[in-house]
């Protein structure tokens, strides 16, 4: 979707979010995750995905994480969305990560 952290939302972002929503509604996986640049949380396409997930019974959580806090040798920040059909999704605790 977004290739640059300061890029604005495009028609491609909206079209891809529509395709993601179609996939979720058709397959209804028990869990779903999405990752993107932090700025994506301001986009209509992100809000549409969350709205679609919640409308069909998913619990959702999202936050911006630094990959370096989870054992990845970089400090890049990423927006992570977790969704689950039958339980509230939980992010791993940093202290639970085995390096």
N, C-alpha and C. Protein backbone atom coordinates (compact mmCIF):
# COMPACT_ATOMS: atom_id res chain seq x y z
N UNK A 1 0.82 -1.17 0.00
CA UNK A 1 0.00 0.00 0.00
C UNK A 1 0.88 1.25 0.00
N UNK A 2 1.18 1.81 1.14
CA UNK A 2 1.99 3.02 1.19
C UNK A 2 3.46 2.64 1.11
N UNK A 3 4.20 3.29 0.22
CA UNK A 3 5.60 2.96 0.09
C UNK A 3 6.52 3.95 0.78
N UNK A 4 6.01 5.08 1.19
CA UNK A 4 6.83 6.10 1.82
C UNK A 4 6.09 6.62 3.04
N UNK A 5 6.82 6.82 4.13
CA UNK A 5 6.18 7.16 5.40
C UNK A 5 5.46 8.50 5.40
N UNK A 6 5.81 9.41 4.49
CA UNK A 6 5.13 10.71 4.45
C UNK A 6 4.18 10.82 3.27
N UNK A 7 4.02 9.76 2.51
CA UNK A 7 3.13 9.79 1.35
C UNK A 7 1.68 9.90 1.81
N UNK A 8 0.86 10.53 0.99
CA UNK A 8 -0.56 10.63 1.30
C UNK A 8 -1.31 9.44 0.75
N UNK A 9 -2.55 9.34 1.13
CA UNK A 9 -3.39 8.24 0.67
C UNK A 9 -3.69 8.40 -0.82
N UNK A 10 -3.66 7.30 -1.53
CA UNK A 10 -3.92 7.31 -2.97
C UNK A 10 -5.14 6.45 -3.29
N UNK A 11 -5.58 6.53 -4.52
CA UNK A 11 -6.69 5.68 -4.96
C UNK A 11 -6.29 4.21 -4.90
N UNK A 12 -5.00 3.92 -5.07
CA UNK A 12 -4.52 2.54 -4.96
C UNK A 12 -4.66 2.04 -3.52
N UNK A 13 -4.35 2.90 -2.54
CA UNK A 13 -4.53 2.51 -1.13
C UNK A 13 -5.99 2.13 -0.87
N UNK A 14 -6.90 2.94 -1.38
CA UNK A 14 -8.33 2.67 -1.16
C UNK A 14 -8.77 1.39 -1.88
N UNK A 15 -8.29 1.20 -3.11
CA UNK A 15 -8.65 -0.02 -3.85
C UNK A 15 -8.09 -1.26 -3.16
N UNK A 16 -6.85 -1.17 -2.67
CA UNK A 16 -6.27 -2.32 -1.97
C UNK A 16 -6.99 -2.61 -0.66
N UNK A 17 -7.40 -1.56 0.05
CA UNK A 17 -8.14 -1.81 1.29
C UNK A 17 -9.49 -2.46 0.98
N UNK A 18 -10.11 -2.08 -0.12
CA UNK A 18 -11.37 -2.74 -0.52
C UNK A 18 -11.13 -4.22 -0.80
N UNK A 19 -10.00 -4.54 -1.44
CA UNK A 19 -9.68 -5.95 -1.71
C UNK A 19 -9.40 -6.72 -0.42
N UNK A 20 -8.72 -6.08 0.53
CA UNK A 20 -8.47 -6.70 1.83
C UNK A 20 -9.80 -6.98 2.53
N UNK A 21 -10.69 -6.03 2.49
CA UNK A 21 -12.01 -6.19 3.13
C UNK A 21 -12.79 -7.33 2.48
N UNK A 22 -12.76 -7.41 1.15
CA UNK A 22 -13.43 -8.53 0.46
C UNK A 22 -12.86 -9.87 0.91
N UNK A 23 -11.54 -9.95 1.00
CA UNK A 23 -10.87 -11.16 1.44
C UNK A 23 -11.34 -11.55 2.85
N UNK A 24 -11.30 -10.59 3.77
CA UNK A 24 -11.69 -10.86 5.15
C UNK A 24 -13.13 -11.33 5.22
N UNK A 25 -14.02 -10.64 4.52
CA UNK A 25 -15.44 -11.02 4.58
C UNK A 25 -15.69 -12.39 3.97
N UNK A 26 -14.95 -12.74 2.92
CA UNK A 26 -15.16 -14.03 2.27
C UNK A 26 -14.58 -15.17 3.08
N UNK A 27 -13.31 -15.05 3.49
CA UNK A 27 -12.63 -16.15 4.17
C UNK A 27 -12.82 -16.15 5.68
N UNK A 28 -13.05 -14.99 6.27
CA UNK A 28 -13.20 -14.83 7.71
C UNK A 28 -12.18 -15.66 8.51
N UNK A 29 -10.90 -15.34 8.32
CA UNK A 29 -9.87 -16.07 9.07
C UNK A 29 -10.03 -15.84 10.57
N UNK A 30 -9.58 -16.78 11.37
CA UNK A 30 -9.74 -16.62 12.81
C UNK A 30 -8.87 -15.48 13.34
N UNK A 31 -7.73 -15.23 12.67
CA UNK A 31 -6.89 -14.09 13.03
C UNK A 31 -6.47 -13.37 11.76
N UNK A 32 -6.15 -12.10 11.90
CA UNK A 32 -5.73 -11.28 10.77
C UNK A 32 -4.73 -10.26 11.29
N UNK A 33 -3.69 -9.99 10.50
CA UNK A 33 -2.73 -8.95 10.88
C UNK A 33 -2.39 -8.12 9.65
N UNK A 34 -2.01 -6.89 9.91
CA UNK A 34 -1.63 -5.96 8.86
C UNK A 34 -0.50 -5.10 9.40
N UNK A 35 0.46 -4.77 8.55
CA UNK A 35 1.56 -3.89 8.96
C UNK A 35 1.77 -2.86 7.89
N UNK A 36 2.09 -1.64 8.34
CA UNK A 36 2.33 -0.56 7.40
C UNK A 36 3.11 0.54 8.12
N UNK A 37 3.37 1.63 7.41
CA UNK A 37 4.04 2.78 8.03
C UNK A 37 3.10 3.43 9.05
N UNK A 38 3.64 4.06 10.08
CA UNK A 38 2.79 4.66 11.12
C UNK A 38 1.75 5.65 10.59
N UNK A 39 2.08 6.40 9.55
CA UNK A 39 1.15 7.39 9.00
C UNK A 39 -0.13 6.76 8.44
N UNK A 40 -0.08 5.47 8.13
CA UNK A 40 -1.24 4.77 7.56
C UNK A 40 -2.44 4.81 8.51
N UNK A 41 -2.20 4.95 9.81
CA UNK A 41 -3.31 4.98 10.76
C UNK A 41 -4.21 6.19 10.56
N UNK A 42 -3.74 7.21 9.82
CA UNK A 42 -4.55 8.40 9.54
C UNK A 42 -5.40 8.25 8.28
N UNK A 43 -5.23 7.17 7.56
CA UNK A 43 -5.88 7.00 6.26
C UNK A 43 -7.30 6.44 6.38
N UNK A 44 -8.14 6.85 5.47
CA UNK A 44 -9.50 6.32 5.37
C UNK A 44 -9.46 4.82 5.11
N UNK A 45 -8.52 4.37 4.30
CA UNK A 45 -8.43 2.95 3.99
C UNK A 45 -8.19 2.11 5.25
N UNK A 46 -7.37 2.60 6.17
CA UNK A 46 -7.13 1.88 7.43
C UNK A 46 -8.40 1.87 8.27
N UNK A 47 -9.06 3.01 8.37
CA UNK A 47 -10.32 3.09 9.13
C UNK A 47 -11.37 2.15 8.52
N UNK A 48 -11.40 2.05 7.20
CA UNK A 48 -12.36 1.15 6.54
C UNK A 48 -12.09 -0.31 6.88
N UNK A 49 -10.83 -0.68 6.93
CA UNK A 49 -10.48 -2.07 7.27
C UNK A 49 -10.90 -2.37 8.70
N UNK A 50 -10.60 -1.48 9.63
CA UNK A 50 -10.99 -1.70 11.02
C UNK A 50 -12.51 -1.77 11.14
N UNK A 51 -13.20 -0.87 10.49
CA UNK A 51 -14.67 -0.86 10.54
C UNK A 51 -15.25 -2.17 10.00
N UNK A 52 -14.70 -2.64 8.90
CA UNK A 52 -15.19 -3.89 8.32
C UNK A 52 -14.93 -5.07 9.26
N UNK A 53 -13.73 -5.12 9.83
CA UNK A 53 -13.42 -6.20 10.77
C UNK A 53 -14.39 -6.19 11.95
N UNK A 54 -14.59 -5.04 12.54
CA UNK A 54 -15.46 -4.96 13.72
C UNK A 54 -16.92 -5.23 13.37
N UNK A 55 -17.34 -4.87 12.17
CA UNK A 55 -18.74 -5.09 11.77
C UNK A 55 -19.08 -6.57 11.61
N UNK A 56 -18.06 -7.41 11.40
CA UNK A 56 -18.33 -8.85 11.27
C UNK A 56 -17.80 -9.64 12.47
N UNK A 57 -17.58 -8.94 13.57
CA UNK A 57 -17.32 -9.63 14.83
C UNK A 57 -15.88 -9.80 15.26
N UNK A 58 -14.95 -9.10 14.65
CA UNK A 58 -13.56 -9.20 15.07
C UNK A 58 -13.27 -8.21 16.19
N UNK A 59 -12.41 -8.61 17.09
CA UNK A 59 -11.81 -7.72 18.08
C UNK A 59 -10.56 -7.17 17.41
N UNK A 60 -10.27 -5.90 17.56
CA UNK A 60 -9.09 -5.32 16.93
C UNK A 60 -8.26 -4.53 17.92
N UNK A 61 -6.96 -4.51 17.66
CA UNK A 61 -6.02 -3.65 18.39
C UNK A 61 -4.97 -3.23 17.39
N UNK A 62 -4.50 -2.01 17.53
CA UNK A 62 -3.40 -1.56 16.69
C UNK A 62 -2.52 -0.59 17.47
N UNK A 63 -1.25 -0.60 17.11
CA UNK A 63 -0.32 0.35 17.68
C UNK A 63 0.95 0.39 16.85
N UNK A 64 1.73 1.44 17.08
CA UNK A 64 3.00 1.60 16.40
C UNK A 64 4.08 0.98 17.29
N UNK A 65 4.85 0.09 16.68
CA UNK A 65 5.91 -0.61 17.41
C UNK A 65 7.25 -0.34 16.73
N UNK A 66 8.30 -0.37 17.51
CA UNK A 66 9.65 -0.31 16.98
C UNK A 66 10.16 -1.74 16.88
N UNK A 67 10.53 -2.15 15.69
CA UNK A 67 10.97 -3.53 15.50
C UNK A 67 12.20 -3.87 16.35
N UNK A 68 13.01 -2.86 16.66
CA UNK A 68 14.18 -3.10 17.50
C UNK A 68 13.84 -3.56 18.90
N UNK A 69 12.63 -3.23 19.37
CA UNK A 69 12.19 -3.67 20.69
C UNK A 69 11.81 -5.14 20.72
N UNK A 70 11.77 -5.78 19.53
CA UNK A 70 11.35 -7.17 19.44
C UNK A 70 12.42 -8.06 18.79
N UNK A 71 13.68 -7.65 18.94
CA UNK A 71 14.78 -8.48 18.50
C UNK A 71 15.22 -8.30 17.06
N UNK A 72 14.58 -7.42 16.32
CA UNK A 72 14.97 -7.17 14.93
C UNK A 72 16.12 -6.15 14.95
N UNK A 73 17.18 -6.39 14.19
CA UNK A 73 18.34 -5.48 14.24
C UNK A 73 18.11 -4.17 13.45
N UNK A 74 17.07 -3.46 13.80
CA UNK A 74 16.78 -2.14 13.23
C UNK A 74 15.79 -1.43 14.15
N UNK A 75 15.62 -0.15 13.96
CA UNK A 75 14.73 0.61 14.84
C UNK A 75 13.52 1.18 14.08
N UNK A 76 13.23 0.61 12.95
CA UNK A 76 12.12 1.07 12.12
C UNK A 76 10.79 0.92 12.85
N UNK A 77 9.99 1.95 12.83
CA UNK A 77 8.67 1.90 13.45
C UNK A 77 7.65 1.45 12.41
N UNK A 78 6.71 0.60 12.86
CA UNK A 78 5.68 0.06 11.98
C UNK A 78 4.34 0.09 12.70
N UNK A 79 3.29 0.37 11.95
CA UNK A 79 1.93 0.27 12.46
C UNK A 79 1.51 -1.19 12.32
N UNK A 80 1.08 -1.78 13.40
CA UNK A 80 0.64 -3.18 13.40
C UNK A 80 -0.83 -3.23 13.82
N UNK A 81 -1.64 -3.90 13.01
CA UNK A 81 -3.04 -4.15 13.34
C UNK A 81 -3.19 -5.64 13.58
N UNK A 82 -3.76 -6.00 14.71
CA UNK A 82 -4.09 -7.39 15.01
C UNK A 82 -5.60 -7.49 15.16
N UNK A 83 -6.16 -8.55 14.61
CA UNK A 83 -7.60 -8.77 14.73
C UNK A 83 -7.84 -10.26 14.97
N UNK A 84 -8.81 -10.57 15.81
CA UNK A 84 -9.14 -11.96 16.11
C UNK A 84 -10.64 -12.12 16.22
N UNK A 85 -11.13 -13.24 15.75
CA UNK A 85 -12.57 -13.51 15.71
C UNK A 85 -13.12 -13.88 17.08
N UNK A 86 -12.38 -14.65 17.87
CA UNK A 86 -12.95 -15.23 19.09
C UNK A 86 -12.29 -14.77 20.38
N UNK A 87 -11.37 -13.83 20.27
CA UNK A 87 -10.71 -13.34 21.48
C UNK A 87 -10.09 -11.98 21.20
N UNK A 88 -9.79 -11.25 22.25
CA UNK A 88 -9.12 -9.97 22.10
C UNK A 88 -7.66 -10.23 21.75
N UNK A 89 -7.17 -9.69 20.64
CA UNK A 89 -5.77 -9.94 20.28
C UNK A 89 -4.82 -9.23 21.24
N UNK A 90 -3.69 -9.85 21.45
CA UNK A 90 -2.70 -9.30 22.38
C UNK A 90 -1.35 -9.17 21.66
N UNK A 91 -0.68 -8.06 21.88
CA UNK A 91 0.67 -7.88 21.39
C UNK A 91 1.62 -8.61 22.33
N UNK A 92 2.70 -9.20 21.81
CA UNK A 92 3.66 -9.84 22.70
C UNK A 92 4.34 -8.79 23.58
N UNK A 93 4.63 -9.17 24.80
CA UNK A 93 5.38 -8.29 25.69
C UNK A 93 6.84 -8.34 25.31
N UNK A 94 7.50 -7.22 25.40
CA UNK A 94 8.92 -7.17 25.04
C UNK A 94 9.74 -8.14 25.86
N UNK A 95 9.41 -8.30 27.13
CA UNK A 95 10.19 -9.20 27.98
C UNK A 95 9.94 -10.68 27.65
N UNK A 96 8.91 -10.99 26.86
CA UNK A 96 8.64 -12.37 26.49
C UNK A 96 9.40 -12.78 25.22
N UNK A 97 10.08 -11.85 24.57
CA UNK A 97 10.80 -12.14 23.35
C UNK A 97 12.13 -12.81 23.68
N UNK A 98 12.40 -13.94 23.04
CA UNK A 98 13.65 -14.66 23.23
C UNK A 98 14.59 -14.26 22.11
N UNK A 99 15.75 -13.77 22.48
CA UNK A 99 16.73 -13.30 21.48
C UNK A 99 17.74 -14.38 21.18
